[in-house]
Amino acid sequence: MRNVLSFAPIVILAGLVAAFTFLLVRGGGSHPTLTEGRIGRPAPTFALAELGAHDLVTSDDFAGKPHLINVFASWCVGCRAEAQVLMALKQQGVLMLGIDYKDKPDDAAGYLRETGNPYARVAQDPDGAFALQLGTAGAPETFVVGADGRIRAVIREPLTEATVRSDVMPALAR
């Protein structure tokens, strides 16, 4: 009986790991991380410093164009997980604004060199003030903005091929 009980913690741990892994990798269907309360509201206007430049990135740069606003950071593990998905979206011609969230400029630049830069522009948000206006809870998060400037979808998890198919592309098409 003692031999069986000595394996109980390992069995419990394995069960927890399996459950968390399932929750992290499941795809498709309805996503509880879609924030319905932001959908339909105008995206906030902004003028933020551009990463690695002396220019400003403004909301006017994206006015009238459907686009994604992707909140990322070099320290964000989920951001690394979605990097290839963002690069694939860039290859499909999706216009994206990157918001470097609470990060050091050198770290963000290094991250983009390492993972690739899918963004048309990258704006710095060192204190998270713009992300707060967006309604961001953290990184990574993606906001789909229609040509009318209204938020069409909010994804509060790393983008996957499944969330792109089920949530991002339909919202961009609206």
C-alpha atoms as a PDB file:
ATOM      1  CA  MET A   1       0.000   0.000   0.000  1.00  0.00           C
ATOM      2  CA  ARG A   2       2.875   2.376   0.766  1.00  0.00           C
ATOM      3  CA  ASN A   3       4.331   1.814  -2.702  1.00  0.00           C
ATOM      4  CA  VAL A   4       1.022   2.867  -4.259  1.00  0.00           C
ATOM      5  CA  LEU A   5       0.761   5.975  -2.046  1.00  0.00           C
ATOM      6  CA  SER A   6       4.325   7.019  -2.845  1.00  0.00           C
ATOM      7  CA  PHE A   7       3.347   7.383  -6.518  1.00  0.00           C
ATOM      8  CA  ALA A   8       0.207   9.416  -5.777  1.00  0.00           C
ATOM      9  CA  PRO A   9       1.924  12.847  -5.966  1.00  0.00           C
ATOM     10  CA  ILE A  10       3.453  11.945  -9.333  1.00  0.00           C
ATOM     11  CA  VAL A  11       0.090  10.784 -10.692  1.00  0.00           C
ATOM     12  CA  ILE A  12      -1.623  13.963  -9.448  1.00  0.00           C
ATOM     13  CA  LEU A  13       1.107  16.160 -10.944  1.00  0.00           C
ATOM     14  CA  ALA A  14       0.904  14.331 -14.283  1.00  0.00           C
ATOM     15  CA  GLY A  15      -2.867  14.828 -14.309  1.00  0.00           C
ATOM     16  CA  LEU A  16      -2.524  18.556 -13.637  1.00  0.00           C
ATOM     17  CA  VAL A  17       0.122  18.952 -16.339  1.00  0.00           C
ATOM     18  CA  ALA A  18      -2.122  17.121 -18.826  1.00  0.00           C
ATOM     19  CA  ALA A  19      -5.125  19.299 -17.929  1.00  0.00           C
ATOM     20  CA  PHE A  20      -3.177  22.566 -18.246  1.00  0.00           C
ATOM     21  CA  THR A  21      -1.573  21.425 -21.501  1.00  0.00           C
ATOM     22  CA  PHE A  22      -5.001  20.615 -22.924  1.00  0.00           C
ATOM     23  CA  LEU A  23      -6.323  24.056 -21.945  1.00  0.00           C
ATOM     24  CA  LEU A  24      -3.321  25.822 -23.487  1.00  0.00           C
ATOM     25  CA  VAL A  25      -3.259  24.035 -26.835  1.00  0.00           C
ATOM     26  CA  ARG A  26      -6.916  23.495 -27.586  1.00  0.00           C
ATOM     27  CA  GLY A  27      -8.022  25.452 -30.613  1.00  0.00           C
ATOM     28  CA  GLY A  28     -11.124  26.371 -32.612  1.00  0.00           C
ATOM     29  CA  GLY A  29     -14.617  27.085 -31.424  1.00  0.00           C
ATOM     30  CA  SER A  30     -15.665  29.928 -29.193  1.00  0.00           C
ATOM     31  CA  HIS A  31     -12.943  31.672 -27.237  1.00  0.00           C
ATOM     32  CA  PRO A  32     -13.712  32.852 -23.721  1.00  0.00           C
ATOM     33  CA  THR A  33     -10.885  35.360 -24.084  1.00  0.00           C
ATOM     34  CA  LEU A  34     -12.830  37.364 -26.672  1.00  0.00           C
ATOM     35  CA  THR A  35     -13.845  40.511 -24.824  1.00  0.00           C
ATOM     36  CA  GLU A  36     -17.340  41.355 -25.989  1.00  0.00           C
ATOM     37  CA  GLY A  37     -17.474  44.622 -23.989  1.00  0.00           C
ATOM     38  CA  ARG A  38     -14.862  46.316 -26.228  1.00  0.00           C
ATOM     39  CA  ILE A  39     -16.334  45.133 -29.505  1.00  0.00           C
ATOM     40  CA  GLY A  40     -18.020  47.937 -31.431  1.00  0.00           C
ATOM     41  CA  ARG A  41     -16.288  50.736 -29.548  1.00  0.00           C
ATOM     42  CA  PRO A  42     -13.960  53.136 -31.360  1.00  0.00           C
ATOM     43  CA  ALA A  43     -10.267  52.327 -30.972  1.00  0.00           C
ATOM     44  CA  PRO A  44      -8.560  55.064 -28.952  1.00  0.00           C
ATOM     45  CA  THR A  45      -6.635  57.751 -30.796  1.00  0.00           C
ATOM     46  CA  PHE A  46      -2.922  57.925 -30.073  1.00  0.00           C
ATOM     47  CA  ALA A  47       0.418  59.518 -30.857  1.00  0.00           C
ATOM     48  CA  LEU A  48       3.259  57.336 -29.563  1.00  0.00           C
ATOM     49  CA  ALA A  49       7.014  57.305 -30.092  1.00  0.00           C
ATOM     50  CA  GLU A  50       8.110  54.873 -32.775  1.00  0.00           C
ATOM     51  CA  LEU A  51      10.551  52.168 -31.742  1.00  0.00           C
ATOM     52  CA  GLY A  52      14.026  52.986 -33.009  1.00  0.00           C
ATOM     53  CA  ALA A  53      13.030  56.280 -34.633  1.00  0.00           C
ATOM     54  CA  HIS A  54      12.334  59.883 -33.739  1.00  0.00           C
ATOM     55  CA  ASP A  55       8.932  59.817 -35.440  1.00  0.00           C
ATOM     56  CA  LEU A  56       5.514  59.467 -33.900  1.00  0.00           C
ATOM     57  CA  VAL A  57       3.139  56.652 -34.755  1.00  0.00           C
ATOM     58  CA  THR A  58      -0.407  57.994 -34.761  1.00  0.00           C
ATOM     59  CA  SER A  59      -3.887  56.609 -35.141  1.00  0.00           C
ATOM     60  CA  ASP A  60      -4.129  58.678 -38.348  1.00  0.00           C
ATOM     61  CA  ASP A  61      -1.482  56.378 -39.894  1.00  0.00           C
ATOM     62  CA  PHE A  62      -4.040  53.549 -39.785  1.00  0.00           C
ATOM     63  CA  ALA A  63      -7.264  55.515 -40.322  1.00  0.00           C
ATOM     64  CA  GLY A  64      -9.634  54.010 -42.870  1.00  0.00           C
ATOM     65  CA  LYS A  65      -7.708  50.720 -43.041  1.00  0.00           C
ATOM     66  CA  PRO A  66      -8.669  47.475 -41.336  1.00  0.00           C
ATOM     67  CA  HIS A  67      -5.749  46.450 -39.129  1.00  0.00           C
ATOM     68  CA  LEU A  68      -4.582  44.606 -36.044  1.00  0.00           C
ATOM     69  CA  ILE A  69      -3.162  46.222 -32.935  1.00  0.00           C
ATOM     70  CA  ASN A  70      -0.921  43.632 -31.305  1.00  0.00           C
ATOM     71  CA  VAL A  71       0.349  44.263 -27.774  1.00  0.00           C
ATOM     72  CA  PHE A  72       3.695  42.510 -27.272  1.00  0.00           C
ATOM     73  CA  ALA A  73       6.891  42.615 -25.203  1.00  0.00           C
ATOM     74  CA  SER A  74      10.301  40.992 -25.350  1.00  0.00           C
ATOM     75  CA  TRP A  75       9.742  39.444 -21.906  1.00  0.00           C
ATOM     76  CA  CYS A  76       6.398  37.889 -22.929  1.00  0.00           C
ATOM     77  CA  VAL A  77       6.489  34.106 -23.424  1.00  0.00           C
ATOM     78  CA  GLY A  78       3.111  34.072 -25.191  1.00  0.00           C
ATOM     79  CA  CYS A  79       4.370  36.702 -27.625  1.00  0.00           C
ATOM     80  CA  ARG A  80       7.144  34.364 -28.723  1.00  0.00           C
ATOM     81  CA  ALA A  81       4.546  31.617 -29.158  1.00  0.00           C
ATOM     82  CA  GLU A  82       2.501  33.749 -31.583  1.00  0.00           C
ATOM     83  CA  ALA A  83       5.434  35.267 -33.526  1.00  0.00           C
ATOM     84  CA  GLN A  84       5.212  32.823 -36.460  1.00  0.00           C
ATOM     85  CA  VAL A  85       1.446  33.338 -36.722  1.00  0.00           C
ATOM     86  CA  LEU A  86       1.970  37.110 -36.928  1.00  0.00           C
ATOM     87  CA  MET A  87       4.619  36.653 -39.625  1.00  0.00           C
ATOM     88  CA  ALA A  88       2.161  34.504 -41.605  1.00  0.00           C
ATOM     89  CA  LEU A  89      -0.460  37.266 -41.304  1.00  0.00           C
ATOM     90  CA  LYS A  90       2.081  39.764 -42.641  1.00  0.00           C
ATOM     91  CA  GLN A  91       2.683  37.465 -45.634  1.00  0.00           C
ATOM     92  CA  GLN A  92      -1.085  37.519 -46.260  1.00  0.00           C
ATOM     93  CA  GLY A  93      -1.000  41.317 -46.386  1.00  0.00           C
ATOM     94  CA  VAL A  94      -2.623  42.001 -43.003  1.00  0.00           C
ATOM     95  CA  LEU A  95      -1.743  45.482 -41.742  1.00  0.00           C
ATOM     96  CA  MET A  96      -0.481  45.403 -38.149  1.00  0.00           C
ATOM     97  CA  LEU A  97       0.541  47.922 -35.523  1.00  0.00           C
ATOM     98  CA  GLY A  98       2.817  46.584 -32.802  1.00  0.00           C
ATOM     99  CA  ILE A  99       2.567  48.107 -29.336  1.00  0.00           C
ATOM    100  CA  ASP A 100       5.755  47.488 -27.347  1.00  0.00           C
ATOM    101  CA  TYR A 101       4.240  47.137 -23.871  1.00  0.00           C
ATOM    102  CA  LYS A 102       6.209  48.081 -20.734  1.00  0.00           C
ATOM    103  CA  ASP A 103       9.486  47.131 -22.363  1.00  0.00           C
ATOM    104  CA  LYS A 104      12.943  48.573 -22.897  1.00  0.00           C
ATOM    105  CA  PRO A 105      13.488  49.774 -26.482  1.00  0.00           C
ATOM    106  CA  ASP A 106      16.741  47.817 -26.914  1.00  0.00           C
ATOM    107  CA  ASP A 107      15.096  44.635 -25.656  1.00  0.00           C
ATOM    108  CA  ALA A 108      12.130  45.100 -28.009  1.00  0.00           C
ATOM    109  CA  ALA A 109      14.402  45.773 -30.989  1.00  0.00           C
ATOM    110  CA  GLY A 110      16.409  42.640 -30.200  1.00  0.00           C
ATOM    111  CA  TYR A 111      13.228  40.595 -29.874  1.00  0.00           C
ATOM    112  CA  LEU A 112      12.013  41.774 -33.299  1.00  0.00           C
ATOM    113  CA  ARG A 113      15.396  41.002 -34.890  1.00  0.00           C
ATOM    114  CA  GLU A 114      15.228  37.509 -33.389  1.00  0.00           C
ATOM    115  CA  THR A 115      11.602  36.605 -34.147  1.00  0.00           C
ATOM    116  CA  GLY A 116      11.005  38.777 -37.216  1.00  0.00           C
ATOM    117  CA  ASN A 117       9.067  42.010 -37.446  1.00  0.00           C
ATOM    118  CA  PRO A 118       5.513  41.529 -38.737  1.00  0.00           C
ATOM    119  CA  TYR A 119       4.440  45.115 -38.019  1.00  0.00           C
ATOM    120  CA  ALA A 120       3.993  48.043 -40.389  1.00  0.00           C
ATOM    121  CA  ARG A 121       4.910  50.285 -37.431  1.00  0.00           C
ATOM    122  CA  VAL A 122       5.971  49.653 -33.836  1.00  0.00           C
ATOM    123  CA  ALA A 123       4.987  52.133 -31.137  1.00  0.00           C
ATOM    124  CA  GLN A 124       6.421  52.258 -27.644  1.00  0.00           C
ATOM    125  CA  ASP A 125       4.140  52.172 -24.615  1.00  0.00           C
ATOM    126  CA  PRO A 126       6.695  52.173 -21.784  1.00  0.00           C
ATOM    127  CA  ASP A 127       4.246  52.879 -18.971  1.00  0.00           C
ATOM    128  CA  GLY A 128       1.282  50.964 -20.425  1.00  0.00           C
ATOM    129  CA  ALA A 129      -0.945  54.070 -20.656  1.00  0.00           C
ATOM    130  CA  PHE A 130      -2.088  53.365 -24.225  1.00  0.00           C
ATOM    131  CA  ALA A 131      -2.646  49.693 -23.453  1.00  0.00           C
ATOM    132  CA  LEU A 132      -4.838  50.781 -20.563  1.00  0.00           C
ATOM    133  CA  GLN A 133      -6.909  52.938 -22.941  1.00  0.00           C
ATOM    134  CA  LEU A 134      -7.297  49.915 -25.212  1.00  0.00           C
ATOM    135  CA  GLY A 135      -8.442  47.825 -22.265  1.00  0.00           C
ATOM    136  CA  THR A 136      -5.427  45.547 -22.278  1.00  0.00           C
ATOM    137  CA  ALA A 137      -4.975  43.133 -19.404  1.00  0.00           C
ATOM    138  CA  GLY A 138      -1.419  42.227 -20.441  1.00  0.00           C
ATOM    139  CA  ALA A 139       0.570  40.801 -23.313  1.00  0.00           C
ATOM    140  CA  PRO A 140      -0.001  39.319 -25.762  1.00  0.00           C
ATOM    141  CA  GLU A 141      -3.330  40.739 -26.849  1.00  0.00           C
ATOM    142  CA  THR A 142      -4.654  41.491 -30.300  1.00  0.00           C
ATOM    143  CA  PHE A 143      -7.327  44.000 -31.248  1.00  0.00           C
ATOM    144  CA  VAL A 144      -8.957  43.786 -34.681  1.00  0.00           C
ATOM    145  CA  VAL A 145      -9.909  47.273 -35.871  1.00  0.00           C
ATOM    146  CA  GLY A 146     -12.215  47.785 -38.846  1.00  0.00           C
ATOM    147  CA  ALA A 147     -11.840  50.433 -41.546  1.00  0.00           C
ATOM    148  CA  ASP A 148     -14.391  52.482 -39.587  1.00  0.00           C
ATOM    149  CA  GLY A 149     -11.998  52.626 -36.601  1.00  0.00           C
ATOM    150  CA  ARG A 150     -14.150  50.391 -34.403  1.00  0.00           C
ATOM    151  CA  ILE A 151     -12.848  47.377 -32.514  1.00  0.00           C
ATOM    152  CA  ARG A 152     -14.211  44.212 -34.142  1.00  0.00           C
ATOM    153  CA  ALA A 153     -12.575  41.567 -31.942  1.00  0.00           C
ATOM    154  CA  VAL A 154     -10.249  41.269 -28.965  1.00  0.00           C
ATOM    155  CA  ILE A 155      -8.137  38.171 -28.448  1.00  0.00           C
ATOM    156  CA  ARG A 156      -6.526  37.947 -25.011  1.00  0.00           C
ATOM    157  CA  GLU A 157      -4.262  34.995 -25.694  1.00  0.00           C
ATOM    158  CA  PRO A 158      -1.448  34.178 -28.082  1.00  0.00           C
ATOM    159  CA  LEU A 159      -2.762  34.017 -31.628  1.00  0.00           C
ATOM    160  CA  THR A 160      -2.887  30.570 -33.186  1.00  0.00           C
ATOM    161  CA  GLU A 161      -3.815  29.453 -36.678  1.00  0.00           C
ATOM    162  CA  ALA A 162      -7.191  28.444 -35.207  1.00  0.00           C
ATOM    163  CA  THR A 163      -7.925  31.871 -33.660  1.00  0.00           C
ATOM    164  CA  VAL A 164      -6.842  33.567 -36.878  1.00  0.00           C
ATOM    165  CA  ARG A 165      -9.325  31.429 -38.858  1.00  0.00           C
ATOM    166  CA  SER A 166     -12.192  31.617 -36.383  1.00  0.00           C
ATOM    167  CA  ASP A 167     -11.838  35.153 -34.971  1.00  0.00           C
ATOM    168  CA  VAL A 168      -9.303  37.433 -36.676  1.00  0.00           C
ATOM    169  CA  MET A 169     -10.043  36.932 -40.377  1.00  0.00           C
ATOM    170  CA  PRO A 170     -13.851  37.090 -40.020  1.00  0.00           C
ATOM    171  CA  ALA A 171     -13.524  40.284 -37.954  1.00  0.00           C
ATOM    172  CA  LEU A 172     -11.197  41.854 -40.545  1.00  0.00           C
ATOM    173  CA  ALA A 173     -13.681  40.980 -43.295  1.00  0.00           C
ATOM    174  CA  ARG A 174     -16.598  42.753 -41.553  1.00  0.00           C
END
